[in-house]
Amino acid sequence: MLILLDIDGVLVPANSWKKPEFMEDGFPMFNSRSVKALQRILSETNASVLLTTSHKSKYKVAQWKDLLKSRGINPKRVHRLTTNSLLTSRKDEILQWYTKKRMPNEEFVIIDDDKMLNGLPENIKHNLVLTSPSIGLTDDLADEAISILQKSAYQYH
């Protein structure tokens, strides 16, 4: 199982009127409610994380693991998309991953605040959990993500 994870608008609320707090590692602090919601998804599904965030290239995978762990998030594995977000839209990055890198029958959920992802083909879009950028990941959305991952798992096994 795999969580395609954005960070801004999911774990770091994107409020234009409020500057985010930064931790010692130079990256913004995550919203504690969103962290608990994501950690619950990870605990209940044992999913790995595939970072889709525009920040994905700022750090190596080992550094991402440390950054997530320091904020209370402990995925089984962490990966990141290798495409350049400045040249490719998130929607196109996900489409490329889906057609070229996704393992057959791999259960996945996309957690993101990018409304452009509503333009994904239906077979991919039904795995999308869209957050409100100013609120981020909530318990209700975590329930939805868990349901998507578990429903997919039951279809193939």
N, C-alpha and C. Protein backbone atom coordinates (compact mmCIF):
# COMPACT_ATOMS: atom_id res chain seq x y z
N MET A 1 0.85 -1.18 0.00
CA MET A 1 0.00 0.00 0.00
C MET A 1 0.89 1.24 0.00
N LEU A 2 0.38 2.28 -0.65
CA LEU A 2 1.20 3.46 -0.86
C LEU A 2 0.36 4.72 -0.71
N ILE A 3 0.93 5.69 -0.01
CA ILE A 3 0.31 7.01 0.14
C ILE A 3 1.13 7.99 -0.68
N LEU A 4 0.52 8.57 -1.72
CA LEU A 4 1.16 9.64 -2.47
C LEU A 4 0.88 10.91 -1.70
N LEU A 5 1.90 11.47 -1.09
CA LEU A 5 1.72 12.51 -0.08
C LEU A 5 2.29 13.86 -0.49
N ASP A 6 1.42 14.84 -0.47
CA ASP A 6 1.82 16.24 -0.57
C ASP A 6 2.04 16.73 0.86
N ILE A 7 2.72 17.84 1.03
CA ILE A 7 2.95 18.36 2.39
C ILE A 7 2.24 19.69 2.61
N ASP A 8 2.50 20.69 1.75
CA ASP A 8 1.84 22.00 1.91
C ASP A 8 0.35 21.83 1.64
N GLY A 9 -0.47 22.28 2.58
CA GLY A 9 -1.91 22.14 2.45
C GLY A 9 -2.43 20.79 2.93
N VAL A 10 -1.52 19.91 3.33
CA VAL A 10 -1.89 18.61 3.89
C VAL A 10 -1.39 18.50 5.32
N LEU A 11 -0.08 18.66 5.51
CA LEU A 11 0.51 18.61 6.85
C LEU A 11 0.89 20.01 7.36
N VAL A 12 1.12 20.92 6.44
CA VAL A 12 1.41 22.32 6.78
C VAL A 12 0.28 23.15 6.19
N PRO A 13 -0.64 23.64 7.03
CA PRO A 13 -1.74 24.46 6.51
C PRO A 13 -1.19 25.67 5.75
N ALA A 14 -1.80 25.94 4.60
CA ALA A 14 -1.36 27.04 3.75
C ALA A 14 -2.25 28.25 4.00
N ASN A 15 -1.92 29.00 5.03
CA ASN A 15 -2.67 30.21 5.37
C ASN A 15 -1.83 31.42 5.01
N SER A 16 -2.27 32.17 4.01
CA SER A 16 -1.48 33.30 3.52
C SER A 16 -1.28 34.39 4.58
N TRP A 17 -2.16 34.46 5.56
CA TRP A 17 -2.07 35.49 6.59
C TRP A 17 -1.16 35.09 7.75
N LYS A 18 -0.71 33.84 7.76
CA LYS A 18 0.08 33.36 8.90
C LYS A 18 1.35 32.66 8.39
N LYS A 19 2.48 33.17 8.82
CA LYS A 19 3.75 32.56 8.43
C LYS A 19 3.94 31.27 9.22
N PRO A 20 4.33 30.17 8.54
CA PRO A 20 4.51 28.92 9.27
C PRO A 20 5.70 28.99 10.23
N GLU A 21 5.60 28.21 11.31
CA GLU A 21 6.73 28.08 12.23
C GLU A 21 7.69 27.06 11.66
N PHE A 22 8.99 27.34 11.79
CA PHE A 22 9.99 26.43 11.26
C PHE A 22 10.69 25.71 12.41
N MET A 23 11.07 24.46 12.14
CA MET A 23 11.81 23.69 13.14
C MET A 23 13.31 23.88 12.89
N GLU A 24 14.12 23.30 13.75
CA GLU A 24 15.57 23.47 13.66
C GLU A 24 16.14 23.00 12.34
N ASP A 25 15.47 22.04 11.69
CA ASP A 25 15.98 21.53 10.41
C ASP A 25 15.68 22.45 9.23
N GLY A 26 15.00 23.58 9.51
CA GLY A 26 14.72 24.56 8.47
C GLY A 26 13.45 24.30 7.68
N PHE A 27 12.71 23.26 8.05
CA PHE A 27 11.46 22.93 7.36
C PHE A 27 10.30 23.29 8.28
N PRO A 28 9.15 23.69 7.72
CA PRO A 28 8.02 24.08 8.57
C PRO A 28 7.54 22.97 9.51
N MET A 29 7.02 23.40 10.63
CA MET A 29 6.41 22.49 11.59
C MET A 29 5.10 21.98 10.98
N PHE A 30 4.75 20.73 11.28
CA PHE A 30 3.50 20.17 10.79
C PHE A 30 2.39 20.41 11.79
N ASN A 31 1.16 20.48 11.30
CA ASN A 31 -0.02 20.60 12.15
C ASN A 31 -0.20 19.29 12.92
N SER A 32 -0.31 19.37 14.24
CA SER A 32 -0.36 18.16 15.07
C SER A 32 -1.58 17.28 14.77
N ARG A 33 -2.72 17.89 14.47
CA ARG A 33 -3.92 17.11 14.14
C ARG A 33 -3.69 16.33 12.84
N SER A 34 -3.06 16.97 11.87
CA SER A 34 -2.79 16.33 10.59
C SER A 34 -1.78 15.20 10.75
N VAL A 35 -0.79 15.41 11.61
CA VAL A 35 0.21 14.36 11.88
C VAL A 35 -0.47 13.13 12.48
N LYS A 36 -1.34 13.36 13.46
CA LYS A 36 -2.05 12.22 14.09
C LYS A 36 -2.90 11.48 13.07
N ALA A 37 -3.56 12.22 12.20
CA ALA A 37 -4.40 11.61 11.17
C ALA A 37 -3.55 10.77 10.21
N LEU A 38 -2.42 11.31 9.78
CA LEU A 38 -1.55 10.56 8.86
C LEU A 38 -0.96 9.34 9.55
N GLN A 39 -0.53 9.51 10.78
CA GLN A 39 0.06 8.38 11.50
C GLN A 39 -0.96 7.27 11.70
N ARG A 40 -2.23 7.63 11.88
CA ARG A 40 -3.28 6.62 12.02
C ARG A 40 -3.45 5.85 10.71
N ILE A 41 -3.40 6.56 9.59
CA ILE A 41 -3.48 5.88 8.29
C ILE A 41 -2.32 4.89 8.17
N LEU A 42 -1.12 5.34 8.51
CA LEU A 42 0.07 4.49 8.42
C LEU A 42 -0.05 3.27 9.34
N SER A 43 -0.53 3.50 10.56
CA SER A 43 -0.65 2.40 11.53
C SER A 43 -1.68 1.37 11.09
N GLU A 44 -2.80 1.83 10.55
CA GLU A 44 -3.88 0.91 10.19
C GLU A 44 -3.67 0.20 8.86
N THR A 45 -2.82 0.76 7.99
CA THR A 45 -2.65 0.18 6.66
C THR A 45 -1.24 -0.33 6.40
N ASN A 46 -0.29 0.07 7.23
CA ASN A 46 1.12 -0.29 7.03
C ASN A 46 1.63 0.18 5.66
N ALA A 47 1.09 1.30 5.19
CA ALA A 47 1.46 1.84 3.88
C ALA A 47 2.83 2.50 3.93
N SER A 48 3.44 2.58 2.76
CA SER A 48 4.66 3.36 2.58
C SER A 48 4.25 4.74 2.06
N VAL A 49 5.19 5.68 2.08
CA VAL A 49 4.93 7.04 1.62
C VAL A 49 5.73 7.31 0.35
N LEU A 50 5.05 7.86 -0.65
CA LEU A 50 5.69 8.37 -1.86
C LEU A 50 5.45 9.87 -1.86
N LEU A 51 6.51 10.63 -1.66
CA LEU A 51 6.38 12.08 -1.59
C LEU A 51 6.13 12.67 -2.97
N THR A 52 5.06 13.44 -3.09
CA THR A 52 4.73 14.13 -4.33
C THR A 52 4.91 15.64 -4.18
N THR A 53 5.21 16.08 -2.98
CA THR A 53 5.35 17.49 -2.66
C THR A 53 6.38 18.19 -3.55
N SER A 54 6.16 19.46 -3.77
CA SER A 54 7.13 20.24 -4.55
C SER A 54 8.48 20.33 -3.83
N HIS A 55 8.50 20.01 -2.54
CA HIS A 55 9.75 20.02 -1.75
C HIS A 55 10.56 18.73 -1.89
N LYS A 56 10.02 17.75 -2.61
CA LYS A 56 10.60 16.40 -2.60
C LYS A 56 12.08 16.34 -2.96
N SER A 57 12.55 17.25 -3.79
CA SER A 57 13.95 17.21 -4.23
C SER A 57 14.90 17.96 -3.29
N LYS A 58 14.35 18.62 -2.28
CA LYS A 58 15.20 19.39 -1.34
C LYS A 58 16.06 18.49 -0.47
N TYR A 59 15.60 17.26 -0.24
CA TYR A 59 16.30 16.35 0.67
C TYR A 59 16.42 14.97 0.03
N LYS A 60 17.42 14.23 0.47
CA LYS A 60 17.56 12.83 0.09
C LYS A 60 16.52 12.04 0.89
N VAL A 61 16.24 10.82 0.44
CA VAL A 61 15.22 10.00 1.09
C VAL A 61 15.53 9.79 2.58
N ALA A 62 16.79 9.53 2.91
CA ALA A 62 17.17 9.33 4.33
C ALA A 62 16.89 10.59 5.15
N GLN A 63 17.11 11.75 4.56
CA GLN A 63 16.82 13.01 5.27
C GLN A 63 15.31 13.18 5.44
N TRP A 64 14.54 12.80 4.43
CA TRP A 64 13.09 12.87 4.55
C TRP A 64 12.59 11.97 5.67
N LYS A 65 13.16 10.77 5.77
CA LYS A 65 12.77 9.85 6.85
C LYS A 65 13.00 10.52 8.21
N ASP A 66 14.17 11.14 8.37
CA ASP A 66 14.50 11.83 9.62
C ASP A 66 13.55 13.00 9.87
N LEU A 67 13.28 13.76 8.83
CA LEU A 67 12.40 14.93 8.96
C LEU A 67 10.99 14.48 9.37
N LEU A 68 10.47 13.45 8.74
CA LEU A 68 9.15 12.95 9.09
C LEU A 68 9.13 12.39 10.51
N LYS A 69 10.16 11.61 10.84
CA LYS A 69 10.23 11.00 12.18
C LYS A 69 10.28 12.07 13.27
N SER A 70 11.03 13.15 13.03
CA SER A 70 11.14 14.22 14.02
C SER A 70 9.81 14.94 14.25
N ARG A 71 8.86 14.73 13.33
CA ARG A 71 7.54 15.34 13.44
C ARG A 71 6.46 14.32 13.82
N GLY A 72 6.90 13.10 14.19
CA GLY A 72 5.96 12.09 14.67
C GLY A 72 5.36 11.20 13.62
N ILE A 73 5.96 11.17 12.42
CA ILE A 73 5.45 10.33 11.34
C ILE A 73 6.46 9.25 11.04
N ASN A 74 6.01 7.99 11.13
CA ASN A 74 6.94 6.86 10.99
C ASN A 74 6.45 5.86 9.95
N PRO A 75 6.60 6.20 8.66
CA PRO A 75 6.18 5.24 7.64
C PRO A 75 7.15 4.07 7.53
N LYS A 76 6.64 2.95 7.04
CA LYS A 76 7.45 1.76 6.82
C LYS A 76 8.60 2.10 5.86
N ARG A 77 8.25 2.75 4.74
CA ARG A 77 9.26 3.18 3.77
C ARG A 77 8.88 4.56 3.24
N VAL A 78 9.91 5.29 2.79
CA VAL A 78 9.69 6.60 2.18
C VAL A 78 10.36 6.58 0.81
N HIS A 79 9.61 7.03 -0.19
CA HIS A 79 10.12 7.20 -1.55
C HIS A 79 9.74 8.61 -1.97
N ARG A 80 10.25 9.03 -3.12
CA ARG A 80 9.83 10.32 -3.65
C ARG A 80 9.78 10.25 -5.17
N LEU A 81 8.87 11.02 -5.75
CA LEU A 81 8.85 11.12 -7.20
C LEU A 81 10.14 11.80 -7.63
N THR A 82 10.63 11.45 -8.78
CA THR A 82 11.90 12.02 -9.23
C THR A 82 11.72 13.11 -10.27
N THR A 83 10.48 13.40 -10.63
CA THR A 83 10.23 14.43 -11.64
C THR A 83 10.45 15.82 -11.05
N ASN A 84 10.66 16.78 -11.92
CA ASN A 84 10.90 18.16 -11.52
C ASN A 84 9.57 18.92 -11.51
N SER A 85 9.11 19.26 -10.31
CA SER A 85 7.81 19.93 -10.16
C SER A 85 7.76 21.29 -10.83
N LEU A 86 8.91 21.90 -11.07
CA LEU A 86 8.91 23.21 -11.71
C LEU A 86 8.60 23.07 -13.20
N LEU A 87 8.83 21.90 -13.76
CA LEU A 87 8.60 21.69 -15.19
C LEU A 87 7.35 20.86 -15.48
N THR A 88 6.89 20.11 -14.49
CA THR A 88 5.77 19.19 -14.68
C THR A 88 4.72 19.44 -13.60
N SER A 89 3.45 19.45 -13.98
CA SER A 89 2.39 19.64 -12.99
C SER A 89 2.27 18.40 -12.11
N ARG A 90 1.73 18.56 -10.92
CA ARG A 90 1.52 17.42 -10.02
C ARG A 90 0.66 16.36 -10.69
N LYS A 91 -0.39 16.81 -11.39
CA LYS A 91 -1.27 15.88 -12.09
C LYS A 91 -0.46 15.04 -13.09
N ASP A 92 0.40 15.69 -13.87
CA ASP A 92 1.20 14.96 -14.86
C ASP A 92 2.24 14.05 -14.18
N GLU A 93 2.79 14.51 -13.05
CA GLU A 93 3.73 13.67 -12.31
C GLU A 93 3.05 12.37 -11.85
N ILE A 94 1.84 12.51 -11.34
CA ILE A 94 1.11 11.34 -10.85
C ILE A 94 0.73 10.43 -12.01
N LEU A 95 0.32 11.01 -13.13
CA LEU A 95 0.00 10.20 -14.31
C LEU A 95 1.23 9.43 -14.80
N GLN A 96 2.38 10.08 -14.80
CA GLN A 96 3.62 9.41 -15.21
C GLN A 96 3.94 8.27 -14.25
N TRP A 97 3.82 8.52 -12.95
CA TRP A 97 4.07 7.47 -11.96
C TRP A 97 3.11 6.30 -12.20
N TYR A 98 1.84 6.61 -12.39
CA TYR A 98 0.81 5.58 -12.53
C TYR A 98 1.10 4.69 -13.75
N THR A 99 1.50 5.31 -14.86
CA THR A 99 1.70 4.52 -16.08
C THR A 99 3.06 3.86 -16.16
N LYS A 100 4.07 4.42 -15.51
CA LYS A 100 5.44 3.89 -15.67
C LYS A 100 6.01 3.20 -14.44
N LYS A 101 5.66 3.63 -13.25
CA LYS A 101 6.33 3.16 -12.04
C LYS A 101 5.46 2.33 -11.11
N ARG A 102 4.15 2.50 -11.20
CA ARG A 102 3.25 1.81 -10.28
C ARG A 102 3.32 0.31 -10.49
N MET A 103 3.36 -0.41 -9.37
CA MET A 103 3.34 -1.87 -9.41
C MET A 103 1.90 -2.31 -9.74
N PRO A 104 1.72 -3.33 -10.57
CA PRO A 104 0.35 -3.80 -10.86
C PRO A 104 -0.38 -4.18 -9.57
N ASN A 105 -1.63 -3.79 -9.49
CA ASN A 105 -2.49 -4.09 -8.33
C ASN A 105 -2.01 -3.46 -7.02
N GLU A 106 -1.12 -2.47 -7.09
CA GLU A 106 -0.66 -1.80 -5.88
C GLU A 106 -1.74 -0.84 -5.39
N GLU A 107 -2.16 -1.01 -4.14
CA GLU A 107 -3.16 -0.14 -3.57
C GLU A 107 -2.50 1.21 -3.26
N PHE A 108 -3.20 2.30 -3.58
CA PHE A 108 -2.63 3.62 -3.30
C PHE A 108 -3.75 4.62 -3.04
N VAL A 109 -3.36 5.67 -2.32
CA VAL A 109 -4.23 6.81 -2.10
C VAL A 109 -3.39 8.07 -2.33
N ILE A 110 -3.99 9.08 -2.91
CA ILE A 110 -3.34 10.36 -3.14
C ILE A 110 -3.92 11.33 -2.12
N ILE A 111 -3.05 11.91 -1.27
CA ILE A 111 -3.52 12.91 -0.30
C ILE A 111 -2.87 14.23 -0.69
N ASP A 112 -3.69 15.18 -1.12
CA ASP A 112 -3.17 16.41 -1.71
C ASP A 112 -4.24 17.50 -1.61
N ASP A 113 -3.81 18.75 -1.75
CA ASP A 113 -4.76 19.87 -1.75
C ASP A 113 -4.89 20.51 -3.14
N ASP A 114 -4.22 19.95 -4.14
CA ASP A 114 -4.19 20.52 -5.48
C ASP A 114 -5.48 20.17 -6.23
N LYS A 115 -6.34 21.16 -6.42
CA LYS A 115 -7.63 20.95 -7.08
C LYS A 115 -7.47 20.53 -8.55
N MET A 116 -6.30 20.77 -9.13
CA MET A 116 -6.04 20.33 -10.51
C MET A 116 -6.12 18.80 -10.61
N LEU A 117 -5.93 18.10 -9.48
CA LEU A 117 -5.97 16.64 -9.49
C LEU A 117 -7.39 16.11 -9.76
N ASN A 118 -8.39 17.00 -9.66
CA ASN A 118 -9.74 16.60 -10.04
C ASN A 118 -9.81 16.25 -11.52
N GLY A 119 -8.80 16.69 -12.28
CA GLY A 119 -8.74 16.39 -13.71
C GLY A 119 -8.10 15.05 -14.04
N LEU A 120 -7.72 14.29 -13.02
CA LEU A 120 -7.14 12.95 -13.26
C LEU A 120 -8.21 12.04 -13.86
N PRO A 121 -7.80 11.04 -14.63
CA PRO A 121 -8.77 10.05 -15.13
C PRO A 121 -9.49 9.39 -13.94
N GLU A 122 -10.74 9.01 -14.14
CA GLU A 122 -11.56 8.46 -13.05
C GLU A 122 -10.91 7.28 -12.33
N ASN A 123 -10.22 6.40 -13.07
CA ASN A 123 -9.62 5.23 -12.43
C ASN A 123 -8.52 5.60 -11.44
N ILE A 124 -7.98 6.80 -11.56
CA ILE A 124 -6.97 7.28 -10.62
C ILE A 124 -7.63 8.23 -9.61
N LYS A 125 -8.52 9.06 -10.10
CA LYS A 125 -9.16 10.08 -9.26
C LYS A 125 -9.94 9.46 -8.09
N HIS A 126 -10.48 8.25 -8.26
CA HIS A 126 -11.24 7.65 -7.16
C HIS A 126 -10.34 7.29 -5.98
N ASN A 127 -9.02 7.45 -6.15
CA ASN A 127 -8.06 7.22 -5.07
C ASN A 127 -7.58 8.55 -4.46
N LEU A 128 -8.23 9.64 -4.81
CA LEU A 128 -7.82 10.97 -4.35
C LEU A 128 -8.59 11.40 -3.11
N VAL A 129 -7.83 11.85 -2.10
CA VAL A 129 -8.41 12.50 -0.93
C VAL A 129 -7.91 13.94 -0.98
N LEU A 130 -8.83 14.85 -1.25
CA LEU A 130 -8.49 16.26 -1.44
C LEU A 130 -8.68 17.02 -0.13
N THR A 131 -7.61 17.63 0.35
CA THR A 131 -7.70 18.40 1.59
C THR A 131 -8.00 19.86 1.29
N SER A 132 -8.48 20.57 2.30
CA SER A 132 -8.62 22.02 2.22
C SER A 132 -7.25 22.59 2.58
N PRO A 133 -6.66 23.43 1.73
CA PRO A 133 -5.30 23.92 1.98
C PRO A 133 -5.13 24.62 3.33
N SER A 134 -6.14 25.30 3.81
CA SER A 134 -6.00 26.03 5.07
C SER A 134 -6.22 25.14 6.30
N ILE A 135 -6.75 23.95 6.09
CA ILE A 135 -7.03 23.03 7.22
C ILE A 135 -6.08 21.84 7.22
N GLY A 136 -5.86 21.25 6.06
CA GLY A 136 -4.98 20.08 5.96
C GLY A 136 -5.73 18.78 6.21
N LEU A 137 -4.97 17.74 6.51
CA LEU A 137 -5.52 16.40 6.71
C LEU A 137 -6.28 16.34 8.04
N THR A 138 -7.50 15.82 7.97
CA THR A 138 -8.36 15.71 9.16
C THR A 138 -8.64 14.24 9.45
N ASP A 139 -9.26 13.96 10.58
CA ASP A 139 -9.65 12.59 10.93
C ASP A 139 -10.63 12.01 9.90
N ASP A 140 -11.60 12.82 9.47
CA ASP A 140 -12.57 12.34 8.49
C ASP A 140 -11.89 11.97 7.17
N LEU A 141 -10.94 12.79 6.75
CA LEU A 141 -10.21 12.50 5.52
C LEU A 141 -9.30 11.28 5.70
N ALA A 142 -8.77 11.11 6.90
CA ALA A 142 -7.96 9.91 7.20
C ALA A 142 -8.84 8.66 7.07
N ASP A 143 -10.07 8.73 7.57
CA ASP A 143 -11.01 7.60 7.42
C ASP A 143 -11.22 7.28 5.95
N GLU A 144 -11.38 8.33 5.15
CA GLU A 144 -11.59 8.16 3.71
C GLU A 144 -10.37 7.50 3.07
N ALA A 145 -9.17 7.94 3.44
CA ALA A 145 -7.93 7.37 2.89
C ALA A 145 -7.79 5.89 3.27
N ILE A 146 -8.08 5.58 4.52
CA ILE A 146 -8.00 4.18 4.98
C ILE A 146 -9.00 3.33 4.20
N SER A 147 -10.20 3.84 4.01
CA SER A 147 -11.23 3.13 3.27
C SER A 147 -10.78 2.86 1.83
N ILE A 148 -10.18 3.83 1.18
CA ILE A 148 -9.68 3.67 -0.19
C ILE A 148 -8.62 2.58 -0.23
N LEU A 149 -7.68 2.62 0.70
CA LEU A 149 -6.60 1.62 0.71
C LEU A 149 -7.15 0.23 1.00
N GLN A 150 -8.05 0.12 1.95
CA GLN A 150 -8.58 -1.19 2.32
C GLN A 150 -9.54 -1.73 1.27
N LYS A 151 -10.34 -0.88 0.67
CA LYS A 151 -11.25 -1.31 -0.38
C LYS A 151 -10.46 -1.85 -1.56
N SER A 152 -9.40 -1.16 -1.93
CA SER A 152 -8.55 -1.61 -3.03
C SER A 152 -7.93 -2.95 -2.68
N ALA A 153 -7.46 -3.10 -1.45
CA ALA A 153 -6.81 -4.34 -1.04
C ALA A 153 -7.77 -5.52 -1.14
N TYR A 154 -9.01 -5.32 -0.75
CA TYR A 154 -9.99 -6.41 -0.78
C TYR A 154 -10.38 -6.79 -2.20
N GLN A 155 -10.28 -5.85 -3.13
CA GLN A 155 -10.65 -6.13 -4.52
C GLN A 155 -9.68 -7.12 -5.16
N TYR A 156 -8.42 -7.10 -4.74
CA TYR A 156 -7.40 -7.89 -5.41
C TYR A 156 -7.04 -9.18 -4.67
N HIS A 157 -7.48 -9.33 -3.43
CA HIS A 157 -7.04 -10.50 -2.65
C HIS A 157 -8.17 -11.48 -2.44
